[in-house]
Amino acid sequence: MGEGLFQPLHLILLVAIALLVFGTGKFTAVGKGLGEGIRNFKSAMKDPEEDKDKKDKKEEEKKS
């Protein structure tokens, strides 16, 4: 095996230890939070005019 900190066996061992310490529930919560954060970031990076137009259309639909 090569030298270095991030060898595949080391990473597998670290993940296994983290699973034992934190449990699977924490990992799913972290994954869900990370996914929502990425989605929010992407939507914030879009053109603000597009978001404004979408909000206006939704408000008009609610009034109807």
N, C-alpha and C. Protein backbone atom coordinates (compact mmCIF):
# COMPACT_ATOMS: atom_id res chain seq x y z
N MET A 1 0.85 -1.18 0.00
CA MET A 1 0.00 0.00 0.00
C MET A 1 0.89 1.24 0.00
N GLY A 2 0.33 2.31 -0.54
CA GLY A 2 1.07 3.55 -0.61
C GLY A 2 1.08 4.28 0.71
N GLU A 3 1.90 5.28 0.74
CA GLU A 3 1.99 6.10 1.95
C GLU A 3 0.97 7.21 1.90
N GLY A 4 0.62 7.72 3.03
CA GLY A 4 -0.31 8.82 3.08
C GLY A 4 -1.41 8.58 4.09
N LEU A 5 -2.09 9.62 4.41
CA LEU A 5 -3.13 9.55 5.43
C LEU A 5 -4.44 8.98 4.90
N PHE A 6 -4.79 9.32 3.68
CA PHE A 6 -6.11 8.96 3.16
C PHE A 6 -6.06 7.72 2.28
N GLN A 7 -5.68 6.63 2.85
CA GLN A 7 -5.73 5.37 2.15
C GLN A 7 -7.13 4.78 2.31
N PRO A 8 -7.59 3.98 1.37
CA PRO A 8 -8.95 3.44 1.45
C PRO A 8 -9.24 2.68 2.75
N LEU A 9 -8.29 1.90 3.21
CA LEU A 9 -8.50 1.14 4.45
C LEU A 9 -8.66 2.08 5.65
N HIS A 10 -7.89 3.15 5.67
CA HIS A 10 -8.00 4.13 6.76
C HIS A 10 -9.37 4.80 6.76
N LEU A 11 -9.83 5.17 5.58
CA LEU A 11 -11.13 5.84 5.48
C LEU A 11 -12.27 4.91 5.90
N ILE A 12 -12.20 3.65 5.50
CA ILE A 12 -13.22 2.68 5.90
C ILE A 12 -13.22 2.51 7.41
N LEU A 13 -12.05 2.44 8.00
CA LEU A 13 -11.93 2.30 9.44
C LEU A 13 -12.50 3.52 10.17
N LEU A 14 -12.22 4.70 9.66
CA LEU A 14 -12.75 5.92 10.28
C LEU A 14 -14.27 5.97 10.20
N VAL A 15 -14.85 5.60 9.07
CA VAL A 15 -16.30 5.59 8.92
C VAL A 15 -16.92 4.56 9.86
N ALA A 16 -16.31 3.40 9.99
CA ALA A 16 -16.82 2.36 10.88
C ALA A 16 -16.81 2.83 12.34
N ILE A 17 -15.75 3.48 12.75
CA ILE A 17 -15.67 3.99 14.12
C ILE A 17 -16.71 5.08 14.34
N ALA A 18 -16.88 5.96 13.35
CA ALA A 18 -17.88 7.03 13.47
C ALA A 18 -19.28 6.45 13.57
N LEU A 19 -19.57 5.39 12.83
CA LEU A 19 -20.88 4.73 12.92
C LEU A 19 -21.11 4.15 14.30
N LEU A 20 -20.08 3.56 14.88
CA LEU A 20 -20.23 3.00 16.21
C LEU A 20 -20.45 4.08 17.26
N VAL A 21 -19.78 5.20 17.12
CA VAL A 21 -19.88 6.26 18.11
C VAL A 21 -21.19 7.02 17.98
N PHE A 22 -21.54 7.43 16.78
CA PHE A 22 -22.69 8.31 16.58
C PHE A 22 -23.97 7.58 16.20
N GLY A 23 -23.88 6.44 15.59
CA GLY A 23 -25.07 5.72 15.13
C GLY A 23 -25.49 6.21 13.75
N THR A 24 -26.39 5.46 13.14
CA THR A 24 -26.79 5.79 11.78
C THR A 24 -27.74 6.98 11.73
N GLY A 25 -28.45 7.25 12.80
CA GLY A 25 -29.39 8.37 12.83
C GLY A 25 -28.72 9.70 12.61
N LYS A 26 -27.56 9.88 13.21
CA LYS A 26 -26.84 11.14 13.05
C LYS A 26 -26.36 11.31 11.61
N PHE A 27 -25.93 10.22 11.00
CA PHE A 27 -25.44 10.32 9.62
C PHE A 27 -26.56 10.69 8.66
N THR A 28 -27.75 10.16 8.86
CA THR A 28 -28.86 10.52 7.98
C THR A 28 -29.25 11.98 8.19
N ALA A 29 -29.19 12.44 9.44
CA ALA A 29 -29.53 13.84 9.71
C ALA A 29 -28.50 14.77 9.08
N VAL A 30 -27.25 14.41 9.15
CA VAL A 30 -26.20 15.22 8.55
C VAL A 30 -26.35 15.23 7.03
N GLY A 31 -26.63 14.10 6.44
CA GLY A 31 -26.82 14.02 4.99
C GLY A 31 -28.01 14.84 4.53
N LYS A 32 -29.10 14.77 5.29
CA LYS A 32 -30.29 15.53 4.94
C LYS A 32 -30.01 17.04 5.05
N GLY A 33 -29.34 17.43 6.12
CA GLY A 33 -29.01 18.85 6.30
C GLY A 33 -28.07 19.35 5.22
N LEU A 34 -27.12 18.54 4.84
CA LEU A 34 -26.17 18.92 3.80
C LEU A 34 -26.89 19.08 2.47
N GLY A 35 -27.78 18.16 2.15
CA GLY A 35 -28.55 18.25 0.90
C GLY A 35 -29.42 19.49 0.85
N GLU A 36 -30.10 19.79 1.95
CA GLU A 36 -30.94 20.99 2.00
C GLU A 36 -30.10 22.25 1.87
N GLY A 37 -28.94 22.25 2.50
CA GLY A 37 -28.06 23.40 2.40
C GLY A 37 -27.59 23.65 0.98
N ILE A 38 -27.25 22.59 0.28
CA ILE A 38 -26.81 22.72 -1.11
C ILE A 38 -27.94 23.22 -1.98
N ARG A 39 -29.16 22.68 -1.77
CA ARG A 39 -30.31 23.14 -2.55
C ARG A 39 -30.60 24.62 -2.30
N ASN A 40 -30.53 25.03 -1.03
CA ASN A 40 -30.77 26.44 -0.71
C ASN A 40 -29.71 27.34 -1.33
N PHE A 41 -28.47 26.88 -1.32
CA PHE A 41 -27.39 27.66 -1.92
C PHE A 41 -27.60 27.81 -3.41
N LYS A 42 -27.97 26.73 -4.07
CA LYS A 42 -28.21 26.80 -5.52
C LYS A 42 -29.35 27.74 -5.85
N SER A 43 -30.42 27.66 -5.07
CA SER A 43 -31.56 28.53 -5.34
C SER A 43 -31.21 29.99 -5.05
N ALA A 44 -30.35 30.24 -4.09
CA ALA A 44 -29.94 31.61 -3.79
C ALA A 44 -29.03 32.17 -4.88
N MET A 45 -28.32 31.30 -5.58
CA MET A 45 -27.40 31.75 -6.62
C MET A 45 -28.12 32.03 -7.94
N LYS A 46 -29.38 31.60 -8.05
CA LYS A 46 -30.15 31.87 -9.28
C LYS A 46 -30.44 33.35 -9.38
N ASP A 47 -30.89 33.74 -10.54
CA ASP A 47 -31.23 35.13 -10.78
C ASP A 47 -32.40 35.55 -9.89
N PRO A 48 -32.25 36.61 -9.12
CA PRO A 48 -33.34 37.04 -8.23
C PRO A 48 -34.62 37.39 -8.97
N GLU A 49 -34.52 37.85 -10.21
CA GLU A 49 -35.71 38.19 -10.98
C GLU A 49 -36.56 36.95 -11.26
N GLU A 50 -35.91 35.81 -11.51
CA GLU A 50 -36.65 34.58 -11.75
C GLU A 50 -37.43 34.19 -10.50
N ASP A 51 -36.79 34.30 -9.34
CA ASP A 51 -37.47 33.96 -8.10
C ASP A 51 -38.64 34.90 -7.84
N LYS A 52 -38.47 36.17 -8.16
CA LYS A 52 -39.53 37.13 -7.95
C LYS A 52 -40.73 36.81 -8.85
N ASP A 53 -40.45 36.46 -10.11
CA ASP A 53 -41.52 36.10 -11.03
C ASP A 53 -42.27 34.86 -10.55
N LYS A 54 -41.55 33.87 -10.05
CA LYS A 54 -42.18 32.65 -9.56
C LYS A 54 -43.06 32.95 -8.35
N LYS A 55 -42.58 33.80 -7.45
CA LYS A 55 -43.37 34.15 -6.27
C LYS A 55 -44.64 34.90 -6.67
N ASP A 56 -44.52 35.79 -7.65
CA ASP A 56 -45.69 36.54 -8.12
C ASP A 56 -46.74 35.59 -8.70
N LYS A 57 -46.30 34.61 -9.48
CA LYS A 57 -47.23 33.64 -10.06
C LYS A 57 -47.91 32.81 -8.98
N LYS A 58 -47.17 32.41 -7.96
CA LYS A 58 -47.75 31.61 -6.89
C LYS A 58 -48.79 32.44 -6.12
N GLU A 59 -48.50 33.70 -5.89
CA GLU A 59 -49.45 34.56 -5.19
C GLU A 59 -50.73 34.74 -5.99
N GLU A 60 -50.59 34.87 -7.31
CA GLU A 60 -51.77 35.02 -8.17
C GLU A 60 -52.61 33.76 -8.15
N GLU A 61 -51.96 32.59 -8.13
CA GLU A 61 -52.68 31.32 -8.09
C GLU A 61 -53.44 31.17 -6.77
N LYS A 62 -52.84 31.62 -5.68
CA LYS A 62 -53.49 31.50 -4.37
C LYS A 62 -54.73 32.40 -4.31
N LYS A 63 -54.67 33.55 -4.96
CA LYS A 63 -55.79 34.49 -4.94
C LYS A 63 -56.97 33.96 -5.76
N SER A 64 -56.65 33.17 -6.79
CA SER A 64 -57.71 32.66 -7.68
C SER A 64 -58.55 31.60 -7.04
